[in-house]
């Protein structure tokens, strides 16, 4: 059951929604519009020592697995 991030096409409000199935209707919590655009999510994971690190699907060498930050080498 993924949580998706949306931005309302009507009032530009950003919100998250737990989506149980693809046919589920979503609506903006501020203006009740049913028109929203799904956003690309960025996730965060805890690292040893208690800090957090965000990950983006860049594929570059600025961290991430095999980029020097995950310790797999």
PDB file of N, CA and C in Angstrom:
ATOM      1  N   UNK A   1       0.847  -1.182   0.000  1.00  0.00           N
ATOM      2  CA  UNK A   1       0.000   0.000   0.000  1.00  0.00           C
ATOM      3  C   UNK A   1       0.891   1.243   0.000  1.00  0.00           C
ATOM      4  N   UNK A   2       1.181   1.763  -1.145  1.00  0.00           N
ATOM      5  CA  UNK A   2       2.078   2.917  -1.222  1.00  0.00           C
ATOM      6  C   UNK A   2       1.399   4.232  -0.848  1.00  0.00           C
ATOM      7  N   UNK A   3       2.206   5.138  -0.352  1.00  0.00           N
ATOM      8  CA  UNK A   3       1.762   6.504  -0.092  1.00  0.00           C
ATOM      9  C   UNK A   3       2.326   7.359  -1.223  1.00  0.00           C
ATOM     10  N   UNK A   4       1.426   8.043  -1.920  1.00  0.00           N
ATOM     11  CA  UNK A   4       1.838   8.894  -3.029  1.00  0.00           C
ATOM     12  C   UNK A   4       1.756  10.359  -2.622  1.00  0.00           C
ATOM     13  N   UNK A   5       2.625  11.171  -3.209  1.00  0.00           N
ATOM     14  CA  UNK A   5       2.615  12.617  -2.995  1.00  0.00           C
ATOM     15  C   UNK A   5       1.976  13.266  -4.213  1.00  0.00           C
ATOM     16  N   UNK A   6       1.090  14.232  -3.966  1.00  0.00           N
ATOM     17  CA  UNK A   6       0.366  14.923  -5.032  1.00  0.00           C
ATOM     18  C   UNK A   6       0.475  16.427  -4.859  1.00  0.00           C
ATOM     19  N   UNK A   7       0.223  17.141  -5.946  1.00  0.00           N
ATOM     20  CA  UNK A   7       0.037  18.588  -5.892  1.00  0.00           C
ATOM     21  C   UNK A   7      -1.285  18.863  -6.610  1.00  0.00           C
ATOM     22  N   UNK A   8      -2.137  19.631  -5.962  1.00  0.00           N
ATOM     23  CA  UNK A   8      -3.453  19.935  -6.505  1.00  0.00           C
ATOM     24  C   UNK A   8      -3.317  20.839  -7.734  1.00  0.00           C
ATOM     25  N   UNK A   9      -3.996  20.474  -8.811  1.00  0.00           N
ATOM     26  CA  UNK A   9      -3.960  21.281 -10.035  1.00  0.00           C
ATOM     27  C   UNK A   9      -4.766  22.570  -9.871  1.00  0.00           C
ATOM     28  N   UNK A  10      -5.664  22.595  -8.897  1.00  0.00           N
ATOM     29  CA  UNK A  10      -6.529  23.751  -8.698  1.00  0.00           C
ATOM     30  C   UNK A  10      -5.906  24.799  -7.764  1.00  0.00           C
ATOM     31  N   UNK A  11      -5.513  24.382  -6.543  1.00  0.00           N
ATOM     32  CA  UNK A  11      -5.025  25.350  -5.545  1.00  0.00           C
ATOM     33  C   UNK A  11      -3.532  25.218  -5.232  1.00  0.00           C
ATOM     34  N   UNK A  12      -2.839  24.272  -5.886  1.00  0.00           N
ATOM     35  CA  UNK A  12      -1.397  24.050  -5.717  1.00  0.00           C
ATOM     36  C   UNK A  12      -1.011  23.510  -4.343  1.00  0.00           C
ATOM     37  N   UNK A  13      -1.969  23.012  -3.561  1.00  0.00           N
ATOM     38  CA  UNK A  13      -1.659  22.421  -2.256  1.00  0.00           C
ATOM     39  C   UNK A  13      -0.927  21.099  -2.462  1.00  0.00           C
ATOM     40  N   UNK A  14       0.056  20.818  -1.615  1.00  0.00           N
ATOM     41  CA  UNK A  14       0.775  19.553  -1.657  1.00  0.00           C
ATOM     42  C   UNK A  14       0.207  18.659  -0.571  1.00  0.00           C
ATOM     43  N   UNK A  15      -0.036  17.364  -0.917  1.00  0.00           N
ATOM     44  CA  UNK A  15      -0.582  16.434   0.064  1.00  0.00           C
ATOM     45  C   UNK A  15      -0.155  15.013  -0.276  1.00  0.00           C
ATOM     46  N   UNK A  16      -0.273  14.132   0.712  1.00  0.00           N
ATOM     47  CA  UNK A  16       0.050  12.719   0.555  1.00  0.00           C
ATOM     48  C   UNK A  16      -1.231  11.918   0.687  1.00  0.00           C
ATOM     49  N   UNK A  17      -1.266  10.762   0.031  1.00  0.00           N
ATOM     50  CA  UNK A  17      -2.451   9.927   0.081  1.00  0.00           C
ATOM     51  C   UNK A  17      -2.034   8.463   0.047  1.00  0.00           C
ATOM     52  N   UNK A  18      -2.594   7.675   0.967  1.00  0.00           N
ATOM     53  CA  UNK A  18      -2.405   6.232   0.963  1.00  0.00           C
ATOM     54  C   UNK A  18      -3.344   5.679  -0.101  1.00  0.00           C
ATOM     55  N   UNK A  19      -2.792   4.998  -1.096  1.00  0.00           N
ATOM     56  CA  UNK A  19      -3.595   4.507  -2.216  1.00  0.00           C
ATOM     57  C   UNK A  19      -3.723   2.987  -2.094  1.00  0.00           C
ATOM     58  N   UNK A  20      -4.948   2.528  -1.875  1.00  0.00           N
ATOM     59  CA  UNK A  20      -5.193   1.107  -1.706  1.00  0.00           C
ATOM     60  C   UNK A  20      -5.332   0.383  -3.040  1.00  0.00           C
ATOM     61  N   UNK A  21      -5.840   1.070  -4.057  1.00  0.00           N
ATOM     62  CA  UNK A  21      -5.901   0.501  -5.403  1.00  0.00           C
ATOM     63  C   UNK A  21      -5.910   1.647  -6.413  1.00  0.00           C
ATOM     64  N   UNK A  22      -5.604   1.322  -7.660  1.00  0.00           N
ATOM     65  CA  UNK A  22      -5.455   2.373  -8.671  1.00  0.00           C
ATOM     66  C   UNK A  22      -6.769   3.036  -9.056  1.00  0.00           C
ATOM     67  N   UNK A  23      -7.904   2.409  -8.767  1.00  0.00           N
ATOM     68  CA  UNK A  23      -9.193   2.998  -9.102  1.00  0.00           C
ATOM     69  C   UNK A  23      -9.681   3.968  -8.020  1.00  0.00           C
ATOM     70  N   UNK A  24      -8.990   4.049  -6.899  1.00  0.00           N
ATOM     71  CA  UNK A  24      -9.385   4.924  -5.795  1.00  0.00           C
ATOM     72  C   UNK A  24      -9.305   6.388  -6.224  1.00  0.00           C
ATOM     73  N   UNK A  25     -10.365   7.131  -5.979  1.00  0.00           N
ATOM     74  CA  UNK A  25     -10.357   8.560  -6.289  1.00  0.00           C
ATOM     75  C   UNK A  25      -9.594   9.314  -5.214  1.00  0.00           C
ATOM     76  N   UNK A  26      -8.848  10.301  -5.633  1.00  0.00           N
ATOM     77  CA  UNK A  26      -8.158  11.174  -4.693  1.00  0.00           C
ATOM     78  C   UNK A  26      -8.777  12.550  -4.802  1.00  0.00           C
ATOM     79  N   UNK A  27      -8.717  13.288  -3.714  1.00  0.00           N
ATOM     80  CA  UNK A  27      -9.207  14.670  -3.741  1.00  0.00           C
ATOM     81  C   UNK A  27      -8.348  15.515  -2.818  1.00  0.00           C
ATOM     82  N   UNK A  28      -8.215  16.775  -3.169  1.00  0.00           N
ATOM     83  CA  UNK A  28      -7.412  17.717  -2.406  1.00  0.00           C
ATOM     84  C   UNK A  28      -8.063  17.967  -1.048  1.00  0.00           C
ATOM     85  N   UNK A  29      -7.295  17.884   0.031  1.00  0.00           N
ATOM     86  CA  UNK A  29      -7.860  18.145   1.359  1.00  0.00           C
ATOM     87  C   UNK A  29      -8.222  19.615   1.591  1.00  0.00           C
ATOM     88  N   UNK A  30      -7.680  20.533   0.775  1.00  0.00           N
ATOM     89  CA  UNK A  30      -7.985  21.960   0.960  1.00  0.00           C
ATOM     90  C   UNK A  30      -9.187  22.414   0.152  1.00  0.00           C
ATOM     91  N   UNK A  31      -9.242  22.042  -1.135  1.00  0.00           N
ATOM     92  CA  UNK A  31     -10.312  22.572  -1.990  1.00  0.00           C
ATOM     93  C   UNK A  31     -11.246  21.495  -2.531  1.00  0.00           C
ATOM     94  N   UNK A  32     -10.969  20.233  -2.239  1.00  0.00           N
ATOM     95  CA  UNK A  32     -11.772  19.079  -2.656  1.00  0.00           C
ATOM     96  C   UNK A  32     -11.739  18.816  -4.164  1.00  0.00           C
ATOM     97  N   UNK A  33     -10.825  19.438  -4.884  1.00  0.00           N
ATOM     98  CA  UNK A  33     -10.687  19.178  -6.316  1.00  0.00           C
ATOM     99  C   UNK A  33     -10.215  17.746  -6.527  1.00  0.00           C
ATOM    100  N   UNK A  34     -10.688  17.130  -7.571  1.00  0.00           N
ATOM    101  CA  UNK A  34     -10.281  15.767  -7.898  1.00  0.00           C
ATOM    102  C   UNK A  34      -9.174  15.735  -8.941  1.00  0.00           C
ATOM    103  N   UNK A  35      -8.634  16.905  -9.276  1.00  0.00           N
ATOM    104  CA  UNK A  35      -7.547  16.993 -10.248  1.00  0.00           C
ATOM    105  C   UNK A  35      -6.237  17.275  -9.516  1.00  0.00           C
ATOM    106  N   UNK A  36      -5.339  16.292  -9.567  1.00  0.00           N
ATOM    107  CA  UNK A  36      -4.046  16.439  -8.903  1.00  0.00           C
ATOM    108  C   UNK A  36      -2.989  15.719  -9.728  1.00  0.00           C
ATOM    109  N   UNK A  37      -1.759  16.171  -9.609  1.00  0.00           N
ATOM    110  CA  UNK A  37      -0.633  15.582 -10.321  1.00  0.00           C
ATOM    111  C   UNK A  37       0.250  14.864  -9.320  1.00  0.00           C
ATOM    112  N   UNK A  38       0.586  13.617  -9.631  1.00  0.00           N
ATOM    113  CA  UNK A  38       1.455  12.844  -8.747  1.00  0.00           C
ATOM    114  C   UNK A  38       2.874  13.405  -8.845  1.00  0.00           C
ATOM    115  N   UNK A  39       3.581  13.454  -7.723  1.00  0.00           N
ATOM    116  CA  UNK A  39       4.932  14.012  -7.665  1.00  0.00           C
ATOM    117  C   UNK A  39       5.957  12.894  -7.542  1.00  0.00           C
ATOM    118  N   UNK A  40       7.164  13.160  -7.983  1.00  0.00           N
ATOM    119  CA  UNK A  40       8.265  12.237  -7.803  1.00  0.00           C
ATOM    120  C   UNK A  40       8.696  12.299  -6.345  1.00  0.00           C
ATOM    121  N   UNK A  41       8.651  11.167  -5.670  1.00  0.00           N
ATOM    122  CA  UNK A  41       8.973  11.128  -4.243  1.00  0.00           C
ATOM    123  C   UNK A  41      10.471  10.991  -4.012  1.00  0.00           C
ATOM    124  N   UNK A  42      10.937  11.574  -2.945  1.00  0.00           N
ATOM    125  CA  UNK A  42      12.303  11.423  -2.467  1.00  0.00           C
ATOM    126  C   UNK A  42      12.202  10.763  -1.109  1.00  0.00           C
ATOM    127  N   UNK A  43      12.977   9.733  -0.894  1.00  0.00           N
ATOM    128  CA  UNK A  43      12.884   9.051   0.386  1.00  0.00           C
ATOM    129  C   UNK A  43      14.138   9.269   1.202  1.00  0.00           C
ATOM    130  N   UNK A  44      14.028   8.999   2.479  1.00  0.00           N
ATOM    131  CA  UNK A  44      15.124   9.199   3.410  1.00  0.00           C
ATOM    132  C   UNK A  44      15.366   7.898   4.158  1.00  0.00           C
ATOM    133  N   UNK A  45      16.616   7.612   4.471  1.00  0.00           N
ATOM    134  CA  UNK A  45      16.924   6.418   5.246  1.00  0.00           C
ATOM    135  C   UNK A  45      17.912   6.789   6.343  1.00  0.00           C
ATOM    136  N   UNK A  46      17.832   6.067   7.444  1.00  0.00           N
ATOM    137  CA  UNK A  46      18.739   6.307   8.563  1.00  0.00           C
ATOM    138  C   UNK A  46      20.085   5.662   8.266  1.00  0.00           C
ATOM    139  N   UNK A  47      21.153   6.335   8.663  1.00  0.00           N
ATOM    140  CA  UNK A  47      22.490   5.797   8.498  1.00  0.00           C
ATOM    141  C   UNK A  47      23.051   5.497   9.878  1.00  0.00           C
ATOM    142  N   UNK A  48      24.068   4.647   9.963  1.00  0.00           N
ATOM    143  CA  UNK A  48      24.680   4.384  11.262  1.00  0.00           C
ATOM    144  C   UNK A  48      25.129   5.697  11.903  1.00  0.00           C
ATOM    145  N   UNK A  49      24.821   5.875  13.148  1.00  0.00           N
ATOM    146  CA  UNK A  49      25.168   7.106  13.840  1.00  0.00           C
ATOM    147  C   UNK A  49      23.964   8.010  14.030  1.00  0.00           C
ATOM    148  N   UNK A  50      22.813   7.624  13.464  1.00  0.00           N
ATOM    149  CA  UNK A  50      21.585   8.351  13.722  1.00  0.00           C
ATOM    150  C   UNK A  50      21.243   9.470  12.763  1.00  0.00           C
ATOM    151  N   UNK A  51      22.095   9.773  11.804  1.00  0.00           N
ATOM    152  CA  UNK A  51      21.753  10.835  10.865  1.00  0.00           C
ATOM    153  C   UNK A  51      20.873  10.266   9.759  1.00  0.00           C
ATOM    154  N   UNK A  52      20.239  11.140   8.992  1.00  0.00           N
ATOM    155  CA  UNK A  52      19.434  10.658   7.875  1.00  0.00           C
ATOM    156  C   UNK A  52      20.019  11.175   6.581  1.00  0.00           C
ATOM    157  N   UNK A  53      19.725  10.483   5.533  1.00  0.00           N
ATOM    158  CA  UNK A  53      20.295  10.780   4.236  1.00  0.00           C
ATOM    159  C   UNK A  53      19.187  10.623   3.205  1.00  0.00           C
ATOM    160  N   UNK A  54      18.978  11.622   2.357  1.00  0.00           N
ATOM    161  CA  UNK A  54      17.947  11.469   1.341  1.00  0.00           C
ATOM    162  C   UNK A  54      18.563  10.866   0.094  1.00  0.00           C
ATOM    163  N   UNK A  55      17.744  10.157  -0.647  1.00  0.00           N
ATOM    164  CA  UNK A  55      18.205   9.501  -1.857  1.00  0.00           C
ATOM    165  C   UNK A  55      17.337   9.908  -3.019  1.00  0.00           C
ATOM    166  N   UNK A  56      17.976  10.229  -4.125  1.00  0.00           N
ATOM    167  CA  UNK A  56      17.250  10.571  -5.332  1.00  0.00           C
ATOM    168  C   UNK A  56      17.650   9.616  -6.433  1.00  0.00           C
ATOM    169  N   UNK A  57      16.794   9.402  -7.407  1.00  0.00           N
ATOM    170  CA  UNK A  57      17.123   8.475  -8.485  1.00  0.00           C
ATOM    171  C   UNK A  57      18.013   9.100  -9.542  1.00  0.00           C
ATOM    172  N   UNK A  58      19.147   9.673  -9.132  1.00  0.00           N
ATOM    173  CA  UNK A  58      20.005  10.380 -10.079  1.00  0.00           C
ATOM    174  C   UNK A  58      20.969   9.462 -10.801  1.00  0.00           C
ATOM    175  N   UNK A  59      21.435   8.408 -10.111  1.00  0.00           N
ATOM    176  CA  UNK A  59      22.385   7.508 -10.731  1.00  0.00           C
ATOM    177  C   UNK A  59      23.785   8.084 -10.819  1.00  0.00           C
ATOM    178  N   UNK A  60      24.025   9.244 -10.261  1.00  0.00           N
ATOM    179  CA  UNK A  60      25.333   9.869 -10.312  1.00  0.00           C
ATOM    180  C   UNK A  60      26.259   9.336  -9.254  1.00  0.00           C
ATOM    181  N   UNK A  61      27.419   9.959  -9.099  1.00  0.00           N
ATOM    182  CA  UNK A  61      28.401   9.494  -8.127  1.00  0.00           C
ATOM    183  C   UNK A  61      28.410  10.366  -6.878  1.00  0.00           C
ATOM    184  N   UNK A  62      27.273  10.946  -6.536  1.00  0.00           N
ATOM    185  CA  UNK A  62      27.216  11.815  -5.358  1.00  0.00           C
ATOM    186  C   UNK A  62      26.633  11.075  -4.161  1.00  0.00           C
ATOM    187  N   UNK A  63      27.057   9.826  -3.951  1.00  0.00           N
ATOM    188  CA  UNK A  63      26.533   9.034  -2.851  1.00  0.00           C
ATOM    189  C   UNK A  63      25.715   7.887  -3.403  1.00  0.00           C
ATOM    190  N   UNK A  64      24.984   7.256  -2.524  1.00  0.00           N
ATOM    191  CA  UNK A  64      24.178   6.113  -2.950  1.00  0.00           C
ATOM    192  C   UNK A  64      25.048   4.883  -3.077  1.00  0.00           C
ATOM    193  N   UNK A  65      24.450   3.770  -3.375  1.00  0.00           N
ATOM    194  CA  UNK A  65      25.167   2.505  -3.481  1.00  0.00           C
ATOM    195  C   UNK A  65      26.220   2.575  -4.566  1.00  0.00           C
ATOM    196  N   UNK A  66      27.406   2.154  -4.245  1.00  0.00           N
ATOM    197  CA  UNK A  66      28.567   2.126  -5.151  1.00  0.00           C
ATOM    198  C   UNK A  66      29.018   3.516  -5.554  1.00  0.00           C
ATOM    199  N   UNK A  67      28.489   4.547  -4.878  1.00  0.00           N
ATOM    200  CA  UNK A  67      28.936   5.908  -5.128  1.00  0.00           C
ATOM    201  C   UNK A  67      29.799   6.401  -3.996  1.00  0.00           C
ATOM    202  N   UNK A  68      30.127   5.506  -3.070  1.00  0.00           N
ATOM    203  CA  UNK A  68      31.017   5.874  -1.990  1.00  0.00           C
ATOM    204  C   UNK A  68      30.337   6.084  -0.658  1.00  0.00           C
ATOM    205  N   UNK A  69      28.997   6.123  -0.613  1.00  0.00           N
ATOM    206  CA  UNK A  69      28.322   6.406   0.650  1.00  0.00           C
ATOM    207  C   UNK A  69      27.729   5.208   1.340  1.00  0.00           C
ATOM    208  N   UNK A  70      27.644   4.047   0.667  1.00  0.00           N
ATOM    209  CA  UNK A  70      26.930   2.923   1.285  1.00  0.00           C
ATOM    210  C   UNK A  70      27.855   1.905   1.914  1.00  0.00           C
ATOM    211  N   UNK A  71      29.128   1.945   1.646  1.00  0.00           N
ATOM    212  CA  UNK A  71      30.074   1.024   2.255  1.00  0.00           C
ATOM    213  C   UNK A  71      30.112  -0.344   1.600  1.00  0.00           C
ATOM    214  N   UNK A  72      29.555  -0.502   0.405  1.00  0.00           N
ATOM    215  CA  UNK A  72      29.545  -1.810  -0.234  1.00  0.00           C
ATOM    216  C   UNK A  72      30.853  -2.116  -0.956  1.00  0.00           C
ATOM    217  N   UNK A  73      31.725  -1.164  -1.079  1.00  0.00           N
ATOM    218  CA  UNK A  73      33.000  -1.390  -1.778  1.00  0.00           C
ATOM    219  C   UNK A  73      34.059  -1.868  -0.832  1.00  0.00           C
TER     220      UNK A  73
END
